[in-house]
N, C-alpha and C. Protein backbone atom coordinates (compact mmCIF):
# COMPACT_ATOMS: atom_id res chain seq x y z
N MET A 1 20.44 -24.20 -1.95
CA MET A 1 19.46 -22.60 -1.88
C MET A 1 18.37 -23.09 -1.30
N ALA A 2 17.48 -22.10 -0.40
CA ALA A 2 16.20 -22.48 -0.11
C ALA A 2 15.10 -22.31 -0.47
N LYS A 3 14.08 -23.42 -0.34
CA LYS A 3 13.36 -23.26 -1.53
C LYS A 3 12.16 -22.92 -0.48
N THR A 4 11.67 -22.17 -1.05
CA THR A 4 10.57 -21.12 -0.68
C THR A 4 8.84 -21.31 -0.95
N ASP A 5 8.23 -20.90 -0.15
CA ASP A 5 6.74 -21.67 -1.13
C ASP A 5 5.91 -20.69 -2.35
N SER A 6 5.54 -20.66 -2.94
CA SER A 6 5.38 -20.05 -4.46
C SER A 6 4.32 -20.54 -5.18
N ARG A 7 3.72 -19.69 -5.04
CA ARG A 7 2.02 -19.93 -6.25
C ARG A 7 2.06 -19.18 -8.18
N VAL A 8 1.74 -19.92 -8.66
CA VAL A 8 2.08 -19.05 -10.57
C VAL A 8 1.07 -18.85 -10.33
N MET A 9 1.07 -16.83 -10.75
CA MET A 9 -0.16 -16.40 -10.84
C MET A 9 -0.06 -16.22 -12.49
N THR A 10 -0.90 -16.07 -12.74
CA THR A 10 -0.41 -15.35 -14.52
C THR A 10 -1.77 -14.21 -14.93
N ALA A 11 -0.84 -13.06 -15.98
CA ALA A 11 -1.71 -11.75 -15.63
C ALA A 11 -1.77 -11.75 -17.78
N HIS A 12 -2.80 -10.95 -18.22
CA HIS A 12 -2.59 -10.60 -19.28
C HIS A 12 -2.21 -9.17 -19.58
N LEU A 13 -1.25 -9.08 -19.98
CA LEU A 13 -0.51 -7.93 -19.65
C LEU A 13 -0.92 -6.74 -21.79
N PRO A 14 -1.31 -5.42 -21.27
CA PRO A 14 -0.72 -5.16 -23.03
C PRO A 14 0.19 -5.52 -23.28
N VAL A 15 0.23 -5.55 -25.31
CA VAL A 15 1.80 -5.89 -25.37
C VAL A 15 2.97 -4.92 -25.39
N ALA A 16 2.45 -3.28 -25.51
CA ALA A 16 3.74 -2.27 -24.86
C ALA A 16 4.06 -2.77 -23.67
N MET A 17 3.40 -3.21 -22.41
CA MET A 17 3.91 -3.29 -20.97
C MET A 17 4.46 -4.10 -21.11
N ALA A 18 4.45 -4.86 -21.40
CA ALA A 18 5.08 -6.67 -21.63
C ALA A 18 6.00 -6.56 -22.29
N ASP A 19 6.42 -5.88 -23.47
CA ASP A 19 7.90 -5.86 -24.21
C ASP A 19 8.46 -4.64 -23.01
N LYS A 20 7.85 -3.50 -22.82
CA LYS A 20 8.76 -2.95 -21.68
C LYS A 20 9.27 -3.79 -20.05
N VAL A 21 8.46 -4.74 -20.11
CA VAL A 21 9.39 -5.83 -18.35
C VAL A 21 10.73 -6.28 -19.32
N GLU A 22 9.79 -7.03 -20.24
CA GLU A 22 11.26 -8.42 -21.70
C GLU A 22 12.58 -6.84 -21.95
N GLN A 23 12.29 -5.62 -21.62
CA GLN A 23 13.48 -4.59 -21.94
C GLN A 23 14.44 -4.66 -20.70
N LEU A 24 13.18 -4.22 -19.42
CA LEU A 24 13.70 -4.26 -18.15
C LEU A 24 14.68 -5.58 -17.61
N ALA A 25 14.10 -6.25 -18.10
CA ALA A 25 14.39 -8.26 -17.47
C ALA A 25 15.96 -7.81 -18.10
N GLN A 26 15.84 -7.97 -19.58
CA GLN A 26 17.24 -7.81 -20.17
C GLN A 26 18.76 -7.24 -19.37
N ARG A 27 17.75 -6.17 -19.78
CA ARG A 27 18.75 -4.64 -19.45
C ARG A 27 19.45 -5.11 -18.41
N LEU A 28 18.54 -5.22 -16.92
CA LEU A 28 18.47 -5.64 -15.64
C LEU A 28 19.84 -7.38 -15.36
N GLU A 29 19.45 -7.73 -16.31
CA GLU A 29 19.83 -9.23 -16.60
C GLU A 29 18.72 -9.88 -15.36
N ARG A 30 17.53 -9.88 -15.44
CA ARG A 30 17.13 -10.71 -14.25
C ARG A 30 15.84 -11.57 -15.07
N SER A 31 15.20 -11.83 -14.62
CA SER A 31 14.09 -12.71 -14.91
C SER A 31 13.11 -11.99 -15.46
N LYS A 32 12.19 -12.34 -16.46
CA LYS A 32 10.73 -11.27 -16.18
C LYS A 32 10.02 -11.91 -15.55
N GLY A 33 9.88 -12.48 -14.16
CA GLY A 33 9.42 -12.85 -12.83
C GLY A 33 10.00 -11.83 -12.28
N TRP A 34 11.12 -11.83 -12.23
CA TRP A 34 11.74 -10.85 -10.72
C TRP A 34 11.14 -10.02 -10.55
N ILE A 35 11.32 -9.13 -12.05
CA ILE A 35 10.86 -7.97 -12.68
C ILE A 35 9.36 -7.61 -11.85
N VAL A 36 8.45 -8.78 -12.14
CA VAL A 36 7.00 -8.54 -11.86
C VAL A 36 6.79 -8.76 -10.56
N LYS A 37 7.17 -9.20 -9.59
CA LYS A 37 7.42 -10.21 -8.60
C LYS A 37 8.32 -8.58 -7.59
N GLN A 38 8.66 -7.41 -8.04
CA GLN A 38 9.44 -6.73 -7.33
C GLN A 38 8.58 -5.79 -7.88
N ALA A 39 7.61 -5.34 -8.95
CA ALA A 39 6.84 -4.22 -9.13
C ALA A 39 5.69 -4.36 -8.34
N LEU A 40 5.21 -5.59 -8.31
CA LEU A 40 3.66 -6.03 -7.41
C LEU A 40 4.30 -6.04 -5.55
N ALA A 41 5.93 -6.59 -5.26
CA ALA A 41 5.97 -6.14 -4.15
C ALA A 41 5.76 -4.22 -3.74
N ASP A 42 5.83 -4.05 -5.03
CA ASP A 42 5.98 -2.54 -3.91
C ASP A 42 4.86 -1.64 -4.20
N TRP A 43 4.05 -2.07 -5.14
CA TRP A 43 2.53 -1.90 -5.12
C TRP A 43 1.51 -2.27 -3.80
N ILE A 44 1.89 -3.47 -3.71
CA ILE A 44 1.34 -3.90 -2.56
C ILE A 44 1.83 -2.72 -1.40
N ALA A 45 2.49 -3.00 -0.83
CA ALA A 45 3.49 -1.74 0.57
C ALA A 45 2.80 -0.44 -0.23
N ARG A 46 2.67 -0.07 -1.44
CA ARG A 46 1.87 1.11 -1.35
C ARG A 46 0.67 1.80 -0.95
N GLU A 47 -0.19 0.48 -1.26
CA GLU A 47 -1.53 0.11 -0.93
C GLU A 47 -1.75 -0.24 0.62
N GLU A 48 -0.35 -1.42 1.26
CA GLU A 48 -0.86 -1.41 2.97
C GLU A 48 -1.30 0.01 3.54
N GLU A 49 0.19 0.52 2.90
CA GLU A 49 0.74 2.25 3.29
C GLU A 49 -0.56 3.05 3.24
N ARG A 50 -1.19 3.31 2.61
CA ARG A 50 -2.16 4.03 1.96
C ARG A 50 -3.61 3.90 2.85
N ASP A 51 -3.78 2.31 3.37
CA ASP A 51 -5.07 2.16 3.91
C ASP A 51 -4.60 1.98 4.88
N ARG A 52 -3.11 2.03 5.95
CA ARG A 52 -3.23 2.52 7.48
C ARG A 52 -3.59 3.97 7.43
N LEU A 53 -3.04 4.81 6.49
CA LEU A 53 -2.78 5.83 6.81
C LEU A 53 -4.54 6.46 6.47
N THR A 54 -5.33 6.21 5.53
CA THR A 54 -6.66 6.62 5.96
C THR A 54 -6.99 5.74 6.99
N ARG A 55 -6.68 4.82 7.66
CA ARG A 55 -7.36 3.82 8.73
C ARG A 55 -7.23 5.28 10.00
N GLU A 56 -6.16 5.58 10.05
CA GLU A 56 -5.65 6.34 10.71
C GLU A 56 -6.16 8.43 10.95
N ALA A 57 -6.71 8.94 9.60
CA ALA A 57 -7.63 9.84 9.27
C ALA A 57 -8.16 9.57 9.75
N LEU A 58 -8.87 8.02 9.45
CA LEU A 58 -10.68 8.24 9.96
C LEU A 58 -10.79 7.86 11.59
N ALA A 59 -9.55 7.64 12.22
CA ALA A 59 -9.95 7.53 13.76
C ALA A 59 -9.49 9.18 13.88
N ASP A 60 -8.70 9.63 13.64
CA ASP A 60 -8.50 11.17 14.14
C ASP A 60 -10.03 11.45 13.84
N VAL A 61 -10.26 11.54 12.38
CA VAL A 61 -12.47 12.02 12.54
C VAL A 61 -12.88 11.45 13.58
N ASP A 62 -12.84 10.84 13.68
CA ASP A 62 -13.93 9.61 15.13
C ASP A 62 -13.40 10.55 15.99
N ALA A 63 -12.25 10.51 16.03
CA ALA A 63 -11.80 11.33 17.88
C ALA A 63 -11.89 13.11 18.05
N GLY A 64 -12.74 13.38 16.77
CA GLY A 64 -12.35 14.66 16.68
C GLY A 64 -11.09 15.85 16.62
N GLN A 65 -10.24 15.41 15.67
CA GLN A 65 -9.16 15.48 15.56
C GLN A 65 -8.54 16.41 14.34
N VAL A 66 -9.59 17.46 14.10
CA VAL A 66 -9.78 17.71 12.84
C VAL A 66 -9.29 19.54 12.87
N ILE A 67 -8.98 19.38 11.39
CA ILE A 67 -9.67 21.25 11.77
C ILE A 67 -10.61 21.97 11.01
N ASP A 68 -10.89 23.01 10.82
CA ASP A 68 -12.07 23.72 10.79
C ASP A 68 -11.69 23.98 9.10
N HIS A 69 -12.63 23.88 7.97
CA HIS A 69 -11.97 23.81 7.25
C HIS A 69 -11.90 26.17 6.69
N GLN A 70 -12.27 26.62 7.39
CA GLN A 70 -12.12 27.96 7.50
C GLN A 70 -11.15 28.21 7.64
N ALA A 71 -10.87 27.60 9.01
CA ALA A 71 -9.10 28.15 9.16
C ALA A 71 -8.04 27.75 8.24
N VAL A 72 -8.28 26.34 7.15
CA VAL A 72 -7.54 26.06 6.08
C VAL A 72 -7.01 27.23 5.31
N GLN A 73 -8.74 27.66 4.73
CA GLN A 73 -8.36 28.00 4.02
C GLN A 73 -8.42 29.84 3.89
N ALA A 74 -8.51 30.20 5.24
CA ALA A 74 -7.47 31.39 5.16
C ALA A 74 -6.18 31.67 5.23
N TRP A 75 -5.43 30.75 5.98
CA TRP A 75 -4.23 30.12 6.14
C TRP A 75 -3.92 29.83 4.32
N ALA A 76 -4.66 29.16 3.44
CA ALA A 76 -4.13 28.77 2.51
C ALA A 76 -3.86 30.52 1.37
N ASP A 77 -5.29 31.28 1.64
CA ASP A 77 -5.20 32.71 1.01
C ASP A 77 -4.37 33.33 1.78
N SER A 78 -4.07 33.75 3.09
CA SER A 78 -2.69 34.08 3.60
C SER A 78 -1.18 34.14 2.83
N LEU A 79 -1.49 32.71 2.09
CA LEU A 79 0.09 32.65 1.07
C LEU A 79 1.17 33.56 0.94
N ASP A 80 -0.16 34.38 -0.18
CA ASP A 80 -0.16 35.47 -0.80
C ASP A 80 0.08 36.52 -0.61
N SER A 81 0.33 36.67 0.75
CA SER A 81 0.26 38.15 1.39
C SER A 81 1.13 38.33 2.13
N ASP A 82 2.18 39.33 2.41
CA ASP A 82 2.72 39.62 3.23
C ASP A 82 3.38 39.00 4.71
N GLN A 83 1.92 38.69 5.14
CA GLN A 83 2.00 37.98 6.40
C GLN A 83 0.94 36.84 6.66
N PRO A 84 2.22 35.76 5.70
CA PRO A 84 1.21 34.24 6.08
C PRO A 84 0.89 34.25 7.39
N LEU A 85 -0.35 33.92 7.73
CA LEU A 85 -0.87 33.11 8.66
C LEU A 85 -0.12 31.98 9.39
N PRO A 86 0.13 31.20 10.73
CA PRO A 86 0.79 29.96 10.43
C PRO A 86 -0.41 29.42 10.00
N ALA A 87 0.06 27.43 10.07
CA ALA A 87 -0.49 26.62 9.92
C ALA A 87 -1.20 26.45 10.59
N PRO A 88 -2.64 26.56 10.59
CA PRO A 88 -3.67 25.72 11.58
C PRO A 88 -3.30 24.40 12.20
N ARG A 89 -3.52 24.02 12.92
CA ARG A 89 -3.30 23.18 13.80
C ARG A 89 -4.35 22.59 15.19
């Protein structure tokens, strides 16, 4: 098995959360470390995606690619009507 570089990190968890990690580890027949590593990897991926989307949205704003608030409000208000407006672009 190939050895990868790693580093030990510690974190204080609420007892209830630590208990759930232990229960999951037993149920999945995995180590507690594996469970925590998976959870942290998923959280990091979500945070990186959120950051990317935020930067993309800010670039759109800087480029003037925005939709007028009144147009969005009129569209939203029309959704309850018999003839909803097309989504603003």
